[in-house]
Amino acid sequence: MSAPGDPFTVFPELRGLVELVNAGWSFAATEDASGDVVRVTGLRVWPEGVADALYIGSQSDAGALRMDHTGGRLWQCDGTLPEVVDGLLALPAPSHPLAPRLVVGVAPTLWTP
């Protein structure tokens, strides 16, 4: 049971981020000149050379993509933080038969955290 003021009660989307950390994701924060966090990026590199990247601007501004070793975009999701995290958690591992493999575009270089 969560206590009042518990971060998971106040911000339930944190549970999904904890699941990503437990799955091997690395995160970095970008700060402005005042030291305020303006964005958080995440990255998970798979043994197959595929990488998943996550951008968090706010609770309502997030995006994620999966790219192959050449920078080809295999999957992308943009929306709220909970929508994007849920999409990542539902995305099959690259070795799974149902994982996206068709390159549908080029991953922007800005996605490299």
PDB file of N, CA and C in Angstrom:
ATOM      1  N   MET A   1       0.846  -1.166   0.000  1.00  0.00           N
ATOM      2  CA  MET A   1       0.000   0.000   0.000  1.00  0.00           C
ATOM      3  C   MET A   1       0.896   1.235   0.000  1.00  0.00           C
ATOM      4  N   SER A   2       0.527   2.231  -0.801  1.00  0.00           N
ATOM      5  CA  SER A   2       1.302   3.460  -0.915  1.00  0.00           C
ATOM      6  C   SER A   2       0.859   4.479   0.117  1.00  0.00           C
ATOM      7  N   ALA A   3       1.827   5.151   0.684  1.00  0.00           N
ATOM      8  CA  ALA A   3       1.537   6.208   1.653  1.00  0.00           C
ATOM      9  C   ALA A   3       1.204   7.495   0.911  1.00  0.00           C
ATOM     10  N   PRO A   4       0.385   8.376   1.521  1.00  0.00           N
ATOM     11  CA  PRO A   4       0.128   9.674   0.889  1.00  0.00           C
ATOM     12  C   PRO A   4       1.451  10.400   0.652  1.00  0.00           C
ATOM     13  N   GLY A   5       1.594  11.009  -0.493  1.00  0.00           N
ATOM     14  CA  GLY A   5       2.841  11.682  -0.820  1.00  0.00           C
ATOM     15  C   GLY A   5       3.870  10.751  -1.412  1.00  0.00           C
ATOM     16  N   ASP A   6       3.552   9.469  -1.475  1.00  0.00           N
ATOM     17  CA  ASP A   6       4.446   8.497  -2.104  1.00  0.00           C
ATOM     18  C   ASP A   6       4.617   8.884  -3.575  1.00  0.00           C
ATOM     19  N   PRO A   7       5.847   8.937  -4.085  1.00  0.00           N
ATOM     20  CA  PRO A   7       6.047   9.379  -5.474  1.00  0.00           C
ATOM     21  C   PRO A   7       5.285   8.523  -6.485  1.00  0.00           C
ATOM     22  N   PHE A   8       5.111   7.238  -6.217  1.00  0.00           N
ATOM     23  CA  PHE A   8       4.387   6.382  -7.157  1.00  0.00           C
ATOM     24  C   PHE A   8       2.894   6.673  -7.152  1.00  0.00           C
ATOM     25  N   THR A   9       2.385   7.228  -6.069  1.00  0.00           N
ATOM     26  CA  THR A   9       0.983   7.633  -6.013  1.00  0.00           C
ATOM     27  C   THR A   9       0.804   8.979  -6.708  1.00  0.00           C
ATOM     28  N   VAL A  10       1.718   9.882  -6.437  1.00  0.00           N
ATOM     29  CA  VAL A  10       1.636  11.222  -7.019  1.00  0.00           C
ATOM     30  C   VAL A  10       1.938  11.186  -8.523  1.00  0.00           C
ATOM     31  N   PHE A  11       2.934  10.388  -8.919  1.00  0.00           N
ATOM     32  CA  PHE A  11       3.352  10.281 -10.323  1.00  0.00           C
ATOM     33  C   PHE A  11       3.381   8.801 -10.717  1.00  0.00           C
ATOM     34  N   PRO A  12       2.237   8.214 -11.054  1.00  0.00           N
ATOM     35  CA  PRO A  12       2.201   6.779 -11.343  1.00  0.00           C
ATOM     36  C   PRO A  12       3.070   6.372 -12.533  1.00  0.00           C
ATOM     37  N   GLU A  13       3.376   7.314 -13.436  1.00  0.00           N
ATOM     38  CA  GLU A  13       4.226   6.970 -14.576  1.00  0.00           C
ATOM     39  C   GLU A  13       5.649   6.601 -14.156  1.00  0.00           C
ATOM     40  N   LEU A  14       6.029   6.937 -12.926  1.00  0.00           N
ATOM     41  CA  LEU A  14       7.361   6.558 -12.441  1.00  0.00           C
ATOM     42  C   LEU A  14       7.543   5.049 -12.382  1.00  0.00           C
ATOM     43  N   ARG A  15       6.457   4.308 -12.151  1.00  0.00           N
ATOM     44  CA  ARG A  15       6.557   2.843 -12.117  1.00  0.00           C
ATOM     45  C   ARG A  15       7.119   2.313 -13.436  1.00  0.00           C
ATOM     46  N   GLY A  16       6.621   2.851 -14.537  1.00  0.00           N
ATOM     47  CA  GLY A  16       7.115   2.423 -15.839  1.00  0.00           C
ATOM     48  C   GLY A  16       8.581   2.760 -16.039  1.00  0.00           C
ATOM     49  N   LEU A  17       8.991   3.939 -15.562  1.00  0.00           N
ATOM     50  CA  LEU A  17      10.402   4.311 -15.681  1.00  0.00           C
ATOM     51  C   LEU A  17      11.287   3.397 -14.844  1.00  0.00           C
ATOM     52  N   VAL A  18      10.811   3.001 -13.671  1.00  0.00           N
ATOM     53  CA  VAL A  18      11.567   2.060 -12.839  1.00  0.00           C
ATOM     54  C   VAL A  18      11.690   0.721 -13.566  1.00  0.00           C
ATOM     55  N   GLU A  19      10.617   0.294 -14.239  1.00  0.00           N
ATOM     56  CA  GLU A  19      10.683  -0.946 -15.014  1.00  0.00           C
ATOM     57  C   GLU A  19      11.731  -0.841 -16.123  1.00  0.00           C
ATOM     58  N   LEU A  20      11.825   0.330 -16.765  1.00  0.00           N
ATOM     59  CA  LEU A  20      12.840   0.510 -17.802  1.00  0.00           C
ATOM     60  C   LEU A  20      14.243   0.438 -17.207  1.00  0.00           C
ATOM     61  N   VAL A  21      14.467   1.083 -16.071  1.00  0.00           N
ATOM     62  CA  VAL A  21      15.775   1.019 -15.408  1.00  0.00           C
ATOM     63  C   VAL A  21      16.122  -0.434 -15.078  1.00  0.00           C
ATOM     64  N   ASN A  22      15.155  -1.162 -14.542  1.00  0.00           N
ATOM     65  CA  ASN A  22      15.384  -2.569 -14.194  1.00  0.00           C
ATOM     66  C   ASN A  22      15.642  -3.436 -15.419  1.00  0.00           C
ATOM     67  N   ALA A  23      15.198  -2.982 -16.597  1.00  0.00           N
ATOM     68  CA  ALA A  23      15.417  -3.724 -17.838  1.00  0.00           C
ATOM     69  C   ALA A  23      16.736  -3.356 -18.508  1.00  0.00           C
ATOM     70  N   GLY A  24      17.522  -2.470 -17.883  1.00  0.00           N
ATOM     71  CA  GLY A  24      18.843  -2.161 -18.427  1.00  0.00           C
ATOM     72  C   GLY A  24      18.978  -0.808 -19.096  1.00  0.00           C
ATOM     73  N   TRP A  25      17.983   0.051 -18.958  1.00  0.00           N
ATOM     74  CA  TRP A  25      18.068   1.379 -19.543  1.00  0.00           C
ATOM     75  C   TRP A  25      19.009   2.271 -18.738  1.00  0.00           C
ATOM     76  N   SER A  26      19.677   3.206 -19.434  1.00  0.00           N
ATOM     77  CA  SER A  26      20.496   4.243 -18.801  1.00  0.00           C
ATOM     78  C   SER A  26      19.839   5.586 -19.096  1.00  0.00           C
ATOM     79  N   PHE A  27      19.856   6.480 -18.114  1.00  0.00           N
ATOM     80  CA  PHE A  27      19.210   7.781 -18.261  1.00  0.00           C
ATOM     81  C   PHE A  27      20.189   8.903 -17.947  1.00  0.00           C
ATOM     82  N   ALA A  28      19.975  10.038 -18.608  1.00  0.00           N
ATOM     83  CA  ALA A  28      20.771  11.242 -18.356  1.00  0.00           C
ATOM     84  C   ALA A  28      19.842  12.443 -18.421  1.00  0.00           C
ATOM     85  N   ALA A  29      20.096  13.405 -17.553  1.00  0.00           N
ATOM     86  CA  ALA A  29      19.300  14.634 -17.529  1.00  0.00           C
ATOM     87  C   ALA A  29      20.093  15.762 -18.172  1.00  0.00           C
ATOM     88  N   THR A  30      19.390  16.636 -18.861  1.00  0.00           N
ATOM     89  CA  THR A  30      19.982  17.845 -19.427  1.00  0.00           C
ATOM     90  C   THR A  30      19.434  19.024 -18.642  1.00  0.00           C
ATOM     91  N   GLU A  31      20.333  19.867 -18.180  1.00  0.00           N
ATOM     92  CA  GLU A  31      19.945  21.024 -17.366  1.00  0.00           C
ATOM     93  C   GLU A  31      20.156  22.311 -18.131  1.00  0.00           C
ATOM     94  N   ASP A  32      19.365  23.326 -17.783  1.00  0.00           N
ATOM     95  CA  ASP A  32      19.583  24.658 -18.354  1.00  0.00           C
ATOM     96  C   ASP A  32      20.630  25.397 -17.518  1.00  0.00           C
ATOM     97  N   ALA A  33      20.877  26.648 -17.849  1.00  0.00           N
ATOM     98  CA  ALA A  33      21.904  27.437 -17.161  1.00  0.00           C
ATOM     99  C   ALA A  33      21.602  27.610 -15.675  1.00  0.00           C
ATOM    100  N   SER A  34      20.328  27.502 -15.292  1.00  0.00           N
ATOM    101  CA  SER A  34      19.942  27.647 -13.885  1.00  0.00           C
ATOM    102  C   SER A  34      20.046  26.345 -13.104  1.00  0.00           C
ATOM    103  N   GLY A  35      20.348  25.265 -13.801  1.00  0.00           N
ATOM    104  CA  GLY A  35      20.430  23.971 -13.137  1.00  0.00           C
ATOM    105  C   GLY A  35      19.118  23.211 -13.101  1.00  0.00           C
ATOM    106  N   ASP A  36      18.086  23.745 -13.767  1.00  0.00           N
ATOM    107  CA  ASP A  36      16.801  23.051 -13.833  1.00  0.00           C
ATOM    108  C   ASP A  36      16.850  21.989 -14.935  1.00  0.00           C
ATOM    109  N   VAL A  37      16.286  20.836 -14.656  1.00  0.00           N
ATOM    110  CA  VAL A  37      16.237  19.769 -15.658  1.00  0.00           C
ATOM    111  C   VAL A  37      15.241  20.164 -16.735  1.00  0.00           C
ATOM    112  N   VAL A  38      15.689  20.173 -17.987  1.00  0.00           N
ATOM    113  CA  VAL A  38      14.818  20.551 -19.099  1.00  0.00           C
ATOM    114  C   VAL A  38      14.420  19.346 -19.943  1.00  0.00           C
ATOM    115  N   ARG A  39      15.161  18.269 -19.837  1.00  0.00           N
ATOM    116  CA  ARG A  39      14.793  17.036 -20.536  1.00  0.00           C
ATOM    117  C   ARG A  39      15.586  15.881 -19.947  1.00  0.00           C
ATOM    118  N   VAL A  40      15.013  14.701 -20.118  1.00  0.00           N
ATOM    119  CA  VAL A  40      15.671  13.462 -19.717  1.00  0.00           C
ATOM    120  C   VAL A  40      15.696  12.561 -20.946  1.00  0.00           C
ATOM    121  N   THR A  41      16.845  11.960 -21.200  1.00  0.00           N
ATOM    122  CA  THR A  41      16.951  11.009 -22.297  1.00  0.00           C
ATOM    123  C   THR A  41      17.358   9.660 -21.741  1.00  0.00           C
ATOM    124  N   GLY A  42      16.905   8.627 -22.406  1.00  0.00           N
ATOM    125  CA  GLY A  42      17.238   7.269 -22.002  1.00  0.00           C
ATOM    126  C   GLY A  42      17.699   6.466 -23.198  1.00  0.00           C
ATOM    127  N   LEU A  43      18.488   5.446 -22.929  1.00  0.00           N
ATOM    128  CA  LEU A  43      19.033   4.608 -23.992  1.00  0.00           C
ATOM    129  C   LEU A  43      19.173   3.178 -23.500  1.00  0.00           C
ATOM    130  N   ARG A  44      18.824   2.255 -24.372  1.00  0.00           N
ATOM    131  CA  ARG A  44      19.079   0.835 -24.127  1.00  0.00           C
ATOM    132  C   ARG A  44      19.643   0.257 -25.412  1.00  0.00           C
ATOM    133  N   VAL A  45      20.836  -0.295 -25.336  1.00  0.00           N
ATOM    134  CA  VAL A  45      21.471  -0.924 -26.487  1.00  0.00           C
ATOM    135  C   VAL A  45      21.371  -2.430 -26.316  1.00  0.00           C
ATOM    136  N   TRP A  46      20.862  -3.080 -27.347  1.00  0.00           N
ATOM    137  CA  TRP A  46      20.673  -4.528 -27.328  1.00  0.00           C
ATOM    138  C   TRP A  46      21.896  -5.222 -27.930  1.00  0.00           C
ATOM    139  N   PRO A  47      22.159  -6.476 -27.572  1.00  0.00           N
ATOM    140  CA  PRO A  47      23.308  -7.204 -28.121  1.00  0.00           C
ATOM    141  C   PRO A  47      23.288  -7.303 -29.650  1.00  0.00           C
ATOM    142  N   GLU A  48      22.105  -7.249 -30.253  1.00  0.00           N
ATOM    143  CA  GLU A  48      21.970  -7.362 -31.702  1.00  0.00           C
ATOM    144  C   GLU A  48      22.417  -6.095 -32.433  1.00  0.00           C
ATOM    145  N   GLY A  49      22.797  -5.055 -31.681  1.00  0.00           N
ATOM    146  CA  GLY A  49      23.184  -3.793 -32.288  1.00  0.00           C
ATOM    147  C   GLY A  49      22.024  -2.837 -32.466  1.00  0.00           C
ATOM    148  N   VAL A  50      20.868  -3.213 -32.003  1.00  0.00           N
ATOM    149  CA  VAL A  50      19.676  -2.366 -32.042  1.00  0.00           C
ATOM    150  C   VAL A  50      19.673  -1.514 -30.784  1.00  0.00           C
ATOM    151  N   ALA A  51      19.169  -0.283 -30.895  1.00  0.00           N
ATOM    152  CA  ALA A  51      19.099   0.605 -29.734  1.00  0.00           C
ATOM    153  C   ALA A  51      17.701   1.198 -29.620  1.00  0.00           C
ATOM    154  N   ASP A  52      17.238   1.321 -28.394  1.00  0.00           N
ATOM    155  CA  ASP A  52      15.994   2.009 -28.080  1.00  0.00           C
ATOM    156  C   ASP A  52      16.369   3.309 -27.389  1.00  0.00           C
ATOM    157  N   ALA A  53      15.697   4.403 -27.774  1.00  0.00           N
ATOM    158  CA  ALA A  53      15.975   5.710 -27.186  1.00  0.00           C
ATOM    159  C   ALA A  53      14.669   6.334 -26.720  1.00  0.00           C
ATOM    160  N   LEU A  54      14.754   7.121 -25.654  1.00  0.00           N
ATOM    161  CA  LEU A  54      13.594   7.758 -25.057  1.00  0.00           C
ATOM    162  C   LEU A  54      13.927   9.216 -24.777  1.00  0.00           C
ATOM    163  N   TYR A  55      12.980  10.092 -25.097  1.00  0.00           N
ATOM    164  CA  TYR A  55      13.087  11.522 -24.819  1.00  0.00           C
ATOM    165  C   TYR A  55      11.918  11.906 -23.919  1.00  0.00           C
ATOM    166  N   ILE A  56      12.192  12.583 -22.812  1.00  0.00           N
ATOM    167  CA  ILE A  56      11.130  13.072 -21.934  1.00  0.00           C
ATOM    168  C   ILE A  56      11.323  14.572 -21.765  1.00  0.00           C
ATOM    169  N   GLY A  57      10.367  15.336 -22.302  1.00  0.00           N
ATOM    170  CA  GLY A  57      10.381  16.777 -22.117  1.00  0.00           C
ATOM    171  C   GLY A  57       9.494  17.175 -20.950  1.00  0.00           C
ATOM    172  N   SER A  58       8.396  16.442 -20.793  1.00  0.00           N
ATOM    173  CA  SER A  58       7.453  16.669 -19.707  1.00  0.00           C
ATOM    174  C   SER A  58       6.507  15.468 -19.655  1.00  0.00           C
ATOM    175  N   GLN A  59       5.543  15.509 -18.753  1.00  0.00           N
ATOM    176  CA  GLN A  59       4.568  14.418 -18.670  1.00  0.00           C
ATOM    177  C   GLN A  59       3.725  14.323 -19.936  1.00  0.00           C
ATOM    178  N   SER A  60       3.598  15.421 -20.666  1.00  0.00           N
ATOM    179  CA  SER A  60       2.779  15.414 -21.876  1.00  0.00           C
ATOM    180  C   SER A  60       3.600  15.476 -23.157  1.00  0.00           C
ATOM    181  N   ASP A  61       4.921  15.435 -23.056  1.00  0.00           N
ATOM    182  CA  ASP A  61       5.806  15.525 -24.214  1.00  0.00           C
ATOM    183  C   ASP A  61       6.917  14.488 -24.095  1.00  0.00           C
ATOM    184  N   ALA A  62       6.697  13.349 -24.755  1.00  0.00           N
ATOM    185  CA  ALA A  62       7.696  12.286 -24.715  1.00  0.00           C
ATOM    186  C   ALA A  62       7.719  11.579 -26.063  1.00  0.00           C
ATOM    187  N   GLY A  63       8.811  10.924 -26.334  1.00  0.00           N
ATOM    188  CA  GLY A  63       8.933  10.172 -27.573  1.00  0.00           C
ATOM    189  C   GLY A  63       9.970   9.080 -27.415  1.00  0.00           C
ATOM    190  N   ALA A  64       9.810   8.040 -28.198  1.00  0.00           N
ATOM    191  CA  ALA A  64      10.749   6.929 -28.164  1.00  0.00           C
ATOM    192  C   ALA A  64      10.883   6.364 -29.563  1.00  0.00           C
ATOM    193  N   LEU A  65      12.001   5.725 -29.804  1.00  0.00           N
ATOM    194  CA  LEU A  65      12.176   5.027 -31.063  1.00  0.00           C
ATOM    195  C   LEU A  65      13.141   3.876 -30.889  1.00  0.00           C
ATOM    196  N   ARG A  66      13.059   2.967 -31.849  1.00  0.00           N
ATOM    197  CA  ARG A  66      14.017   1.862 -31.951  1.00  0.00           C
ATOM    198  C   ARG A  66      14.715   2.032 -33.281  1.00  0.00           C
ATOM    199  N   MET A  67      16.045   1.914 -33.258  1.00  0.00           N
ATOM    200  CA  MET A  67      16.820   2.040 -34.489  1.00  0.00           C
ATOM    201  C   MET A  67      17.780   0.874 -34.625  1.00  0.00           C
ATOM    202  N   ASP A  68      18.076   0.529 -35.874  1.00  0.00           N
ATOM    203  CA  ASP A  68      19.040  -0.536 -36.115  1.00  0.00           C
ATOM    204  C   ASP A  68      20.459   0.030 -36.074  1.00  0.00           C
ATOM    205  N   HIS A  69      21.445  -0.822 -36.306  1.00  0.00           N
ATOM    206  CA  HIS A  69      22.851  -0.400 -36.183  1.00  0.00           C
ATOM    207  C   HIS A  69      23.272   0.629 -37.232  1.00  0.00           C
ATOM    208  N   THR A  70      22.473   0.808 -38.289  1.00  0.00           N
ATOM    209  CA  THR A  70      22.802   1.800 -39.316  1.00  0.00           C
ATOM    210  C   THR A  70      22.080   3.121 -39.095  1.00  0.00           C
ATOM    211  N   GLY A  71      21.223   3.194 -38.065  1.00  0.00           N
ATOM    212  CA  GLY A  71      20.447   4.399 -37.815  1.00  0.00           C
ATOM    213  C   GLY A  71      19.079   4.360 -38.460  1.00  0.00           C
ATOM    214  N   GLY A  72      18.711   3.196 -39.007  1.00  0.00           N
ATOM    215  CA  GLY A  72      17.383   3.052 -39.584  1.00  0.00           C
ATOM    216  C   GLY A  72      16.336   2.973 -38.485  1.00  0.00           C
ATOM    217  N   ARG A  73      15.248   3.737 -38.639  1.00  0.00           N
ATOM    218  CA  ARG A  73      14.174   3.753 -37.643  1.00  0.00           C
ATOM    219  C   ARG A  73      13.267   2.555 -37.876  1.00  0.00           C
ATOM    220  N   LEU A  74      13.134   1.724 -36.836  1.00  0.00           N
ATOM    221  CA  LEU A  74      12.312   0.522 -36.906  1.00  0.00           C
ATOM    222  C   LEU A  74      10.951   0.709 -36.252  1.00  0.00           C
ATOM    223  N   TRP A  75      10.862   1.610 -35.291  1.00  0.00           N
ATOM    224  CA  TRP A  75       9.632   1.825 -34.510  1.00  0.00           C
ATOM    225  C   TRP A  75       9.719   3.196 -33.883  1.00  0.00           C
ATOM    226  N   GLN A  76       8.558   3.848 -33.723  1.00  0.00           N
ATOM    227  CA  GLN A  76       8.534   5.155 -33.076  1.00  0.00           C
ATOM    228  C   GLN A  76       7.200   5.356 -32.389  1.00  0.00           C
ATOM    229  N   CYS A  77       7.232   6.058 -31.260  1.00  0.00           N
ATOM    230  CA  CYS A  77       6.026   6.386 -30.506  1.00  0.00           C
ATOM    231  C   CYS A  77       6.212   7.771 -29.903  1.00  0.00           C
ATOM    232  N   ASP A  78       5.238   8.632 -30.114  1.00  0.00           N
ATOM    233  CA  ASP A  78       5.252   9.975 -29.530  1.00  0.00           C
ATOM    234  C   ASP A  78       3.942  10.195 -28.794  1.00  0.00           C
ATOM    235  N   GLY A  79       3.986  10.924 -27.682  1.00  0.00           N
ATOM    236  CA  GLY A  79       2.770  11.207 -26.934  1.00  0.00           C
ATOM    237  C   GLY A  79       3.086  11.599 -25.509  1.00  0.00           C
ATOM    238  N   THR A  80       2.195  11.223 -24.612  1.00  0.00           N
ATOM    239  CA  THR A  80       2.417  11.503 -23.198  1.00  0.00           C
ATOM    240  C   THR A  80       3.446  10.517 -22.659  1.00  0.00           C
ATOM    241  N   LEU A  81       4.021  10.843 -21.526  1.00  0.00           N
ATOM    242  CA  LEU A  81       4.999   9.949 -20.914  1.00  0.00           C
ATOM    243  C   LEU A  81       4.420   8.561 -20.656  1.00  0.00           C
ATOM    244  N   PRO A  82       3.227   8.435 -20.065  1.00  0.00           N
ATOM    245  CA  PRO A  82       2.687   7.086 -19.854  1.00  0.00           C
ATOM    246  C   PRO A  82       2.456   6.322 -21.157  1.00  0.00           C
ATOM    247  N   GLU A  83       1.990   6.996 -22.210  1.00  0.00           N
ATOM    248  CA  GLU A  83       1.772   6.322 -23.492  1.00  0.00           C
ATOM    249  C   GLU A  83       3.081   5.791 -24.064  1.00  0.00           C
ATOM    250  N   VAL A  84       4.111   6.610 -24.018  1.00  0.00           N
ATOM    251  CA  VAL A  84       5.396   6.227 -24.594  1.00  0.00           C
ATOM    252  C   VAL A  84       6.052   5.107 -23.784  1.00  0.00           C
ATOM    253  N   VAL A  85       6.030   5.224 -22.466  1.00  0.00           N
ATOM    254  CA  VAL A  85       6.618   4.173 -21.621  1.00  0.00           C
ATOM    255  C   VAL A  85       5.858   2.863 -21.813  1.00  0.00           C
ATOM    256  N   ASP A  86       4.533   2.919 -21.874  1.00  0.00           N
ATOM    257  CA  ASP A  86       3.754   1.696 -22.124  1.00  0.00           C
ATOM    258  C   ASP A  86       4.125   1.087 -23.475  1.00  0.00           C
ATOM    259  N   GLY A  87       4.331   1.937 -24.481  1.00  0.00           N
ATOM    260  CA  GLY A  87       4.747   1.440 -25.792  1.00  0.00           C
ATOM    261  C   GLY A  87       6.087   0.742 -25.735  1.00  0.00           C
ATOM    262  N   LEU A  88       7.032   1.326 -25.014  1.00  0.00           N
ATOM    263  CA  LEU A  88       8.350   0.698 -24.872  1.00  0.00           C
ATOM    264  C   LEU A  88       8.263  -0.627 -24.127  1.00  0.00           C
ATOM    265  N   LEU A  89       7.467  -0.657 -23.063  1.00  0.00           N
ATOM    266  CA  LEU A  89       7.346  -1.887 -22.281  1.00  0.00           C
ATOM    267  C   LEU A  89       6.669  -3.002 -23.073  1.00  0.00           C
ATOM    268  N   ALA A  90       5.821  -2.634 -24.035  1.00  0.00           N
ATOM    269  CA  ALA A  90       5.138  -3.631 -24.867  1.00  0.00           C
ATOM    270  C   ALA A  90       5.967  -4.040 -26.091  1.00  0.00           C
ATOM    271  N   LEU A  91       7.002  -3.292 -26.397  1.00  0.00           N
ATOM    272  CA  LEU A  91       7.826  -3.558 -27.574  1.00  0.00           C
ATOM    273  C   LEU A  91       8.645  -4.836 -27.369  1.00  0.00           C
ATOM    274  N   PRO A  92       8.498  -5.805 -28.281  1.00  0.00           N
ATOM    275  CA  PRO A  92       9.258  -7.048 -28.113  1.00  0.00           C
ATOM    276  C   PRO A  92      10.764  -6.825 -28.266  1.00  0.00           C
ATOM    277  N   ALA A  93      11.541  -7.649 -27.601  1.00  0.00           N
ATOM    278  CA  ALA A  93      12.998  -7.619 -27.756  1.00  0.00           C
ATOM    279  C   ALA A  93      13.338  -7.816 -29.235  1.00  0.00           C
ATOM    280  N   PRO A  94      14.447  -7.243 -29.704  1.00  0.00           N
ATOM    281  CA  PRO A  94      14.796  -7.358 -31.121  1.00  0.00           C
ATOM    282  C   PRO A  94      14.897  -8.791 -31.626  1.00  0.00           C
ATOM    283  N   SER A  95      15.237  -9.732 -30.763  1.00  0.00           N
ATOM    284  CA  SER A  95      15.369 -11.130 -31.180  1.00  0.00           C
ATOM    285  C   SER A  95      14.020 -11.861 -31.241  1.00  0.00           C
ATOM    286  N   HIS A  96      12.962 -11.239 -30.732  1.00  0.00           N
ATOM    287  CA  HIS A  96      11.637 -11.863 -30.722  1.00  0.00           C
ATOM    288  C   HIS A  96      11.068 -11.885 -32.143  1.00  0.00           C
ATOM    289  N   PRO A  97      10.373 -12.956 -32.520  1.00  0.00           N
ATOM    290  CA  PRO A  97       9.821 -13.036 -33.881  1.00  0.00           C
ATOM    291  C   PRO A  97       8.868 -11.888 -34.244  1.00  0.00           C
ATOM    292  N   LEU A  98       8.207 -11.286 -33.275  1.00  0.00           N
ATOM    293  CA  LEU A  98       7.266 -10.203 -33.567  1.00  0.00           C
ATOM    294  C   LEU A  98       7.877  -8.804 -33.457  1.00  0.00           C
ATOM    295  N   ALA A  99       9.180  -8.728 -33.230  1.00  0.00           N
ATOM    296  CA  ALA A  99       9.838  -7.425 -33.126  1.00  0.00           C
ATOM    297  C   ALA A  99       9.856  -6.737 -34.488  1.00  0.00           C
ATOM    298  N   PRO A 100       9.714  -5.406 -34.502  1.00  0.00           N
ATOM    299  CA  PRO A 100       9.782  -4.692 -35.784  1.00  0.00           C
ATOM    300  C   PRO A 100      11.174  -4.800 -36.395  1.00  0.00           C
ATOM    301  N   ARG A 101      11.217  -5.099 -37.700  1.00  0.00           N
ATOM    302  CA  ARG A 101      12.491  -5.243 -38.404  1.00  0.00           C
ATOM    303  C   ARG A 101      12.572  -4.394 -39.670  1.00  0.00           C
ATOM    304  N   LEU A 102      11.430  -3.936 -40.159  1.00  0.00           N
ATOM    305  CA  LEU A 102      11.375  -3.161 -41.386  1.00  0.00           C
ATOM    306  C   LEU A 102      11.771  -1.716 -41.096  1.00  0.00           C
ATOM    307  N   VAL A 103      12.768  -1.218 -41.809  1.00  0.00           N
ATOM    308  CA  VAL A 103      13.197   0.167 -41.643  1.00  0.00           C
ATOM    309  C   VAL A 103      12.140   1.065 -42.270  1.00  0.00           C
ATOM    310  N   VAL A 104      11.596   1.974 -41.453  1.00  0.00           N
ATOM    311  CA  VAL A 104      10.525   2.864 -41.910  1.00  0.00           C
ATOM    312  C   VAL A 104      10.994   4.313 -42.031  1.00  0.00           C
ATOM    313  N   GLY A 105      12.243   4.541 -41.838  1.00  0.00           N
ATOM    314  CA  GLY A 105      12.795   5.891 -41.938  1.00  0.00           C
ATOM    315  C   GLY A 105      14.179   5.935 -41.342  1.00  0.00           C
ATOM    316  N   VAL A 106      14.719   7.118 -41.260  1.00  0.00           N
ATOM    317  CA  VAL A 106      16.044   7.318 -40.677  1.00  0.00           C
ATOM    318  C   VAL A 106      15.877   7.979 -39.323  1.00  0.00           C
ATOM    319  N   ALA A 107      16.548   7.451 -38.323  1.00  0.00           N
ATOM    320  CA  ALA A 107      16.488   8.035 -36.993  1.00  0.00           C
ATOM    321  C   ALA A 107      17.225   9.368 -37.001  1.00  0.00           C
ATOM    322  N   PRO A 108      16.617  10.422 -36.441  1.00  0.00           N
ATOM    323  CA  PRO A 108      17.301  11.709 -36.381  1.00  0.00           C
ATOM    324  C   PRO A 108      18.524  11.632 -35.474  1.00  0.00           C
ATOM    325  N   THR A 109      19.566  12.356 -35.819  1.00  0.00           N
ATOM    326  CA  THR A 109      20.787  12.327 -35.013  1.00  0.00           C
ATOM    327  C   THR A 109      20.567  12.917 -33.628  1.00  0.00           C
ATOM    328  N   LEU A 110      19.522  13.725 -33.452  1.00  0.00           N
ATOM    329  CA  LEU A 110      19.245  14.309 -32.145  1.00  0.00           C
ATOM    330  C   LEU A 110      18.860  13.251 -31.131  1.00  0.00           C
ATOM    331  N   TRP A 111      18.512  12.044 -31.565  1.00  0.00           N
ATOM    332  CA  TRP A 111      18.096  11.000 -30.642  1.00  0.00           C
ATOM    333  C   TRP A 111      19.282  10.382 -29.912  1.00  0.00           C
ATOM    334  N   THR A 112      20.474  10.623 -30.363  1.00  0.00           N
ATOM    335  CA  THR A 112      21.626  10.028 -29.696  1.00  0.00           C
ATOM    336  C   THR A 112      21.865  10.744 -28.384  1.00  0.00           C
ATOM    337  N   PRO A 113      21.564  10.082 -27.246  1.00  0.00           N
ATOM    338  CA  PRO A 113      21.752  10.746 -25.945  1.00  0.00           C
ATOM    339  C   PRO A 113      23.207  10.977 -25.611  1.00  0.00           C
TER     340      PRO A 113
END
